[in-house]
């Protein structure tokens, strides 16, 4: 698969089979993530790999409760509340792997750096026939002392990109893209 195909074909996958993702494949995806550019070549990213189903389920429950507690009432948050409050909601969509990209040190561009690594990882996953999805709902909880403790993260680390990964149950349909606004200056 060439780069244009990977970019155009990658989708957020929210339905997975129970098939495990092999360690060499995960290592390959992490290697792709490490090739991302970073400000001042700091490469602040760390990768926490979670494949323990019971722990994934526990974090899903605790992150869901955390989000429901902190979301304001009204407006766009009501849609999020309805998703989070559904009886069958699972934060990680029952994916077999969570890869959390965190920054190991403070810095002005750590979020951008980790996001670039995450995009590389998601594109490499798609090229390898895997699905992925950035789970923004989990980020706030994973940045708490309780969330960090569940994963054994040092308190100084900053979780940025909780990515789920697995074999897609179905291929998500293409999502229409709006025409970009382009301004040519000069």
Protein backbone atom coordinates (compact mmCIF):
# COMPACT_ATOMS: atom_id res chain seq x y z
CA UNK A 1 0.00 0.00 0.00
CA UNK A 2 1.43 3.37 -0.92
CA UNK A 3 1.26 6.42 1.33
CA UNK A 4 -1.63 8.06 -0.54
CA UNK A 5 -3.70 4.88 -0.20
CA UNK A 6 -2.93 4.65 3.52
CA UNK A 7 -3.90 8.29 4.10
CA UNK A 8 -7.11 8.04 2.06
CA UNK A 9 -8.12 4.64 3.42
CA UNK A 10 -7.44 4.96 7.15
CA UNK A 11 -10.60 5.19 9.24
CA UNK A 12 -11.51 5.21 12.91
CA UNK A 13 -12.40 1.58 13.62
CA UNK A 14 -14.83 0.86 16.46
CA UNK A 15 -15.64 -2.83 15.85
CA UNK A 16 -12.95 -5.45 16.37
CA UNK A 17 -12.57 -9.20 16.32
CA UNK A 18 -11.14 -10.89 19.39
CA UNK A 19 -8.03 -11.93 17.44
CA UNK A 20 -4.83 -10.90 19.21
CA UNK A 21 -2.27 -8.60 17.62
CA UNK A 22 1.16 -10.21 17.67
CA UNK A 23 4.03 -8.54 19.50
CA UNK A 24 6.25 -8.22 16.38
CA UNK A 25 3.44 -6.32 14.65
CA UNK A 26 3.06 -3.98 17.62
CA UNK A 27 6.83 -3.40 17.66
CA UNK A 28 6.70 -2.58 13.94
CA UNK A 29 3.96 0.01 14.57
CA UNK A 30 5.93 1.58 17.43
CA UNK A 31 8.98 1.77 15.14
CA UNK A 32 6.84 3.63 12.58
CA UNK A 33 5.64 6.01 15.29
CA UNK A 34 9.23 6.73 16.33
CA UNK A 35 9.98 8.03 12.83
CA UNK A 36 7.70 11.02 13.40
CA UNK A 37 9.26 14.45 13.48
CA UNK A 38 9.47 16.20 16.83
CA UNK A 39 10.29 19.74 17.88
CA UNK A 40 14.01 20.16 18.49
CA UNK A 41 14.27 16.39 17.85
CA UNK A 42 13.26 15.84 21.49
CA UNK A 43 11.36 12.60 20.71
CA UNK A 44 9.45 12.87 24.02
CA UNK A 45 7.16 9.92 23.37
CA UNK A 46 6.82 6.74 25.35
CA UNK A 47 4.61 3.78 24.48
CA UNK A 48 2.58 1.85 27.03
CA UNK A 49 1.10 -1.32 25.54
CA UNK A 50 -1.91 -2.84 27.27
CA UNK A 51 -3.32 -6.22 26.18
CA UNK A 52 -4.82 -7.39 29.47
CA UNK A 53 -8.59 -7.69 28.85
CA UNK A 54 -9.54 -7.34 32.53
CA UNK A 55 -7.46 -4.17 32.92
CA UNK A 56 -8.83 -2.73 29.66
CA UNK A 57 -12.37 -3.36 30.96
CA UNK A 58 -11.56 -1.76 34.33
CA UNK A 59 -10.04 1.33 32.73
CA UNK A 60 -13.06 1.55 30.43
CA UNK A 61 -15.43 1.58 33.42
CA UNK A 62 -13.38 4.06 35.46
CA UNK A 63 -12.70 6.39 32.51
CA UNK A 64 -16.40 6.35 31.63
CA UNK A 65 -17.38 7.25 35.20
CA UNK A 66 -14.72 10.00 35.23
CA UNK A 67 -16.00 11.52 31.98
CA UNK A 68 -19.61 11.44 33.16
CA UNK A 69 -18.53 13.25 36.34
CA UNK A 70 -16.61 16.04 34.59
CA UNK A 71 -18.74 16.70 31.49
CA UNK A 72 -20.83 19.85 31.76
CA UNK A 73 -24.56 19.50 31.33
CA UNK A 74 -26.09 20.83 28.13
CA UNK A 75 -24.94 21.57 24.62
CA UNK A 76 -22.56 19.23 22.81
CA UNK A 77 -21.81 17.42 26.07
CA UNK A 78 -25.32 15.93 26.04
CA UNK A 79 -24.40 13.82 23.00
CA UNK A 80 -21.26 12.58 24.76
CA UNK A 81 -23.31 11.83 27.90
CA UNK A 82 -25.75 9.74 25.88
CA UNK A 83 -22.89 7.70 24.39
CA UNK A 84 -21.10 7.25 27.71
CA UNK A 85 -24.30 6.38 29.56
CA UNK A 86 -25.41 3.60 27.20
CA UNK A 87 -25.52 0.26 29.07
CA UNK A 88 -23.37 -1.52 26.46
CA UNK A 89 -20.80 1.29 26.08
CA UNK A 90 -17.16 0.18 26.20
CA UNK A 91 -14.62 2.99 26.04
CA UNK A 92 -12.20 0.85 24.00
CA UNK A 93 -14.79 -0.86 21.78
CA UNK A 94 -13.50 -4.26 22.95
CA UNK A 95 -10.26 -3.82 20.97
CA UNK A 96 -7.55 -6.25 22.04
CA UNK A 97 -4.80 -3.61 22.38
CA UNK A 98 -4.44 -0.13 23.82
CA UNK A 99 -1.28 1.77 22.94
CA UNK A 100 -0.93 4.89 25.05
CA UNK A 101 1.52 7.43 23.70
CA UNK A 102 2.70 9.68 26.51
CA UNK A 103 5.33 12.38 26.79
CA UNK A 104 8.06 11.53 29.26
CA UNK A 105 9.10 15.13 29.87
CA UNK A 106 7.48 18.54 29.93
CA UNK A 107 7.97 20.78 26.95
CA UNK A 108 6.15 23.29 24.79
CA UNK A 109 5.43 20.88 21.92
CA UNK A 110 4.93 17.48 23.58
CA UNK A 111 1.28 17.18 22.53
CA UNK A 112 2.10 17.93 18.91
CA UNK A 113 5.07 15.56 18.96
CA UNK A 114 3.03 12.69 20.40
CA UNK A 115 0.17 13.40 17.98
CA UNK A 116 2.57 13.12 15.04
CA UNK A 117 3.81 9.78 16.38
CA UNK A 118 0.19 8.64 16.80
CA UNK A 119 -0.68 9.46 13.19
CA UNK A 120 2.35 7.51 11.96
CA UNK A 121 1.27 4.55 14.08
CA UNK A 122 -2.34 4.68 12.83
CA UNK A 123 -1.23 4.88 9.18
CA UNK A 124 1.17 1.96 9.66
CA UNK A 125 -1.61 -0.03 11.35
CA UNK A 126 -3.93 0.56 8.40
CA UNK A 127 -1.20 -0.46 5.96
CA UNK A 128 -0.77 -3.68 7.99
CA UNK A 129 -4.49 -4.47 7.73
CA UNK A 130 -5.31 -3.40 11.27
CA UNK A 131 -7.81 -0.89 12.58
CA UNK A 132 -7.16 1.86 15.08
CA UNK A 133 -8.97 4.69 16.81
CA UNK A 134 -7.81 7.55 19.03
CA UNK A 135 -9.97 7.37 22.16
CA UNK A 136 -10.20 10.98 23.30
CA UNK A 137 -12.70 10.09 26.06
CA UNK A 138 -9.95 8.13 27.85
CA UNK A 139 -7.36 10.89 27.85
CA UNK A 140 -8.70 12.93 30.78
CA UNK A 141 -8.88 9.88 33.08
CA UNK A 142 -5.46 8.59 32.05
CA UNK A 143 -4.02 11.99 33.01
CA UNK A 144 -5.26 11.59 36.60
CA UNK A 145 -3.15 10.08 39.37
CA UNK A 146 -5.58 7.14 39.49
CA UNK A 147 -5.35 6.55 35.73
CA UNK A 148 -1.56 6.75 35.74
CA UNK A 149 -1.41 4.35 38.70
CA UNK A 150 -3.49 1.73 36.87
CA UNK A 151 -0.92 1.70 34.06
CA UNK A 152 2.12 2.17 36.28
CA UNK A 153 3.00 5.48 34.62
CA UNK A 154 5.39 7.88 36.33
CA UNK A 155 3.55 10.93 37.64
CA UNK A 156 5.59 13.26 35.39
CA UNK A 157 4.45 11.53 32.19
CA UNK A 158 1.70 13.22 30.20
CA UNK A 159 -0.68 10.79 28.43
CA UNK A 160 -1.54 12.27 25.04
CA UNK A 161 -2.81 9.63 22.62
CA UNK A 162 -4.79 6.58 23.79
CA UNK A 163 -4.99 4.46 20.63
CA UNK A 164 -6.91 1.21 20.34
CA UNK A 165 -5.76 -1.36 17.85
CA UNK A 166 -6.98 -4.65 16.45
CA UNK A 167 -8.35 -6.61 13.54
CA UNK A 168 -11.43 -4.79 12.17
CA UNK A 169 -14.71 -6.71 12.25
CA UNK A 170 -15.84 -4.72 9.20
CA UNK A 171 -14.32 -2.04 7.02
CA UNK A 172 -15.74 1.38 7.93
CA UNK A 173 -17.26 3.30 5.02
CA UNK A 174 -15.44 6.32 3.65
CA UNK A 175 -16.38 9.58 5.31
CA UNK A 176 -17.06 12.53 3.00
CA UNK A 177 -14.58 15.35 3.37
CA UNK A 178 -15.47 19.01 3.06
CA UNK A 179 -13.75 21.11 0.46
CA UNK A 180 -10.75 22.73 2.16
CA UNK A 181 -10.41 26.45 2.55
CA UNK A 182 -7.19 27.40 0.84
CA UNK A 183 -5.71 30.88 0.91
CA UNK A 184 -2.78 31.73 -1.30
CA UNK A 185 -0.79 34.65 0.02
CA UNK A 186 1.84 36.28 -2.15
